[in-house]
Amino acid sequence: MAISQWLKGFAKPVAIVLFTDERTQQVSVAASIAKLIVPYQLIVPLIDNEAFFCKLCSPFLSCKENSVQQWGYTAAIILTEMI
């Protein structure tokens, strides 16, 4: 199954947590193919913090260094507010 088809199967909004920049870029491209609007329908956080990959994605992804625990806490708050 293609990543774009896989992404279409989730209830929106959804966050996909990925642990490599390369996979994050692949999901970002697949979201574009699936016509999903990042970050409104799909949230793709970038954990590796590699600025080069942030700029390759469309739309650009934000890269900022945070502790994973703090990032998870903040993401949970945002998702709770969206629901």
Protein backbone atom coordinates (compact mmCIF):
# COMPACT_ATOMS: atom_id res chain seq x y z
CA MET A 1 0.00 0.00 0.00
CA ALA A 2 1.33 3.44 -0.89
CA ILE A 3 1.97 5.88 1.94
CA SER A 4 -0.52 8.36 0.46
CA GLN A 5 -3.29 5.74 0.53
CA TRP A 6 -2.34 4.82 4.09
CA LEU A 7 -2.57 8.45 5.19
CA LYS A 8 -6.04 8.85 3.65
CA GLY A 9 -7.33 6.08 5.93
CA PHE A 10 -6.92 8.08 9.17
CA ALA A 11 -9.59 10.29 10.73
CA LYS A 12 -8.44 13.90 10.47
CA PRO A 13 -6.71 15.70 12.06
CA VAL A 14 -3.97 13.19 12.74
CA ALA A 15 -0.34 13.37 13.84
CA ILE A 16 2.23 10.90 12.56
CA VAL A 17 5.35 10.77 14.74
CA LEU A 18 8.43 9.76 12.76
CA PHE A 19 11.97 9.26 13.92
CA THR A 20 14.06 9.92 10.82
CA ASP A 21 14.22 12.98 8.60
CA GLU A 22 14.08 10.86 5.47
CA ARG A 23 10.82 9.18 6.52
CA THR A 24 9.36 12.55 7.50
CA GLN A 25 10.12 13.85 4.01
CA GLN A 26 8.50 10.78 2.43
CA VAL A 27 5.34 11.26 4.49
CA SER A 28 5.27 14.97 3.64
CA VAL A 29 5.43 14.16 -0.08
CA ALA A 30 2.79 11.45 0.32
CA ALA A 31 0.52 13.94 2.11
CA SER A 32 0.83 16.26 -0.86
CA ILE A 33 -0.06 13.43 -3.24
CA ALA A 34 -3.04 12.55 -1.03
CA LYS A 35 -4.07 16.23 -1.06
CA LEU A 36 -3.87 16.49 2.72
CA ILE A 37 -3.28 19.92 4.17
CA VAL A 38 -0.27 20.04 6.50
CA PRO A 39 -0.55 21.01 9.38
CA TYR A 40 -4.35 21.25 9.46
CA GLN A 41 -5.22 17.68 8.48
CA LEU A 42 -1.86 16.05 9.07
CA ILE A 43 0.76 17.01 11.64
CA VAL A 44 4.24 15.71 10.84
CA PRO A 45 6.70 16.62 13.57
CA LEU A 46 10.38 16.48 12.73
CA ILE A 47 12.36 14.86 15.53
CA ASP A 48 15.86 14.50 14.04
CA ASN A 49 16.10 18.30 13.72
CA GLU A 50 17.98 18.37 10.42
CA ALA A 51 17.36 21.80 8.84
CA PHE A 52 18.25 20.52 5.35
CA PHE A 53 15.28 18.13 5.35
CA CYS A 54 12.96 20.80 6.75
CA LYS A 55 13.57 22.89 3.66
CA LEU A 56 13.08 19.95 1.27
CA CYS A 57 9.53 19.34 2.44
CA SER A 58 6.53 21.20 1.12
CA PRO A 59 5.26 22.93 3.11
CA PHE A 60 8.49 23.55 4.98
CA LEU A 61 8.65 21.74 8.27
CA SER A 62 9.78 23.49 11.40
CA CYS A 63 12.96 22.29 13.05
CA LYS A 64 13.58 23.19 16.61
CA GLU A 65 15.31 21.29 19.30
CA ASN A 66 13.09 20.19 22.16
CA SER A 67 13.10 17.36 24.57
CA VAL A 68 10.91 14.54 23.28
CA GLN A 69 8.90 14.59 26.51
CA GLN A 70 8.15 18.31 26.19
CA TRP A 71 7.26 17.90 22.52
CA GLY A 72 4.85 15.05 23.32
CA TYR A 73 3.19 17.05 26.09
CA THR A 74 2.75 20.05 23.80
CA ALA A 75 1.42 17.91 20.92
CA ALA A 76 -1.13 16.32 23.25
CA ILE A 77 -2.38 19.73 24.34
CA ILE A 78 -2.71 20.93 20.73
CA LEU A 79 -4.50 17.77 19.61
CA THR A 80 -6.85 17.94 22.61
CA GLU A 81 -7.76 21.51 21.69
CA MET A 82 -8.39 20.48 18.06
CA ILE A 83 -10.76 17.71 19.14
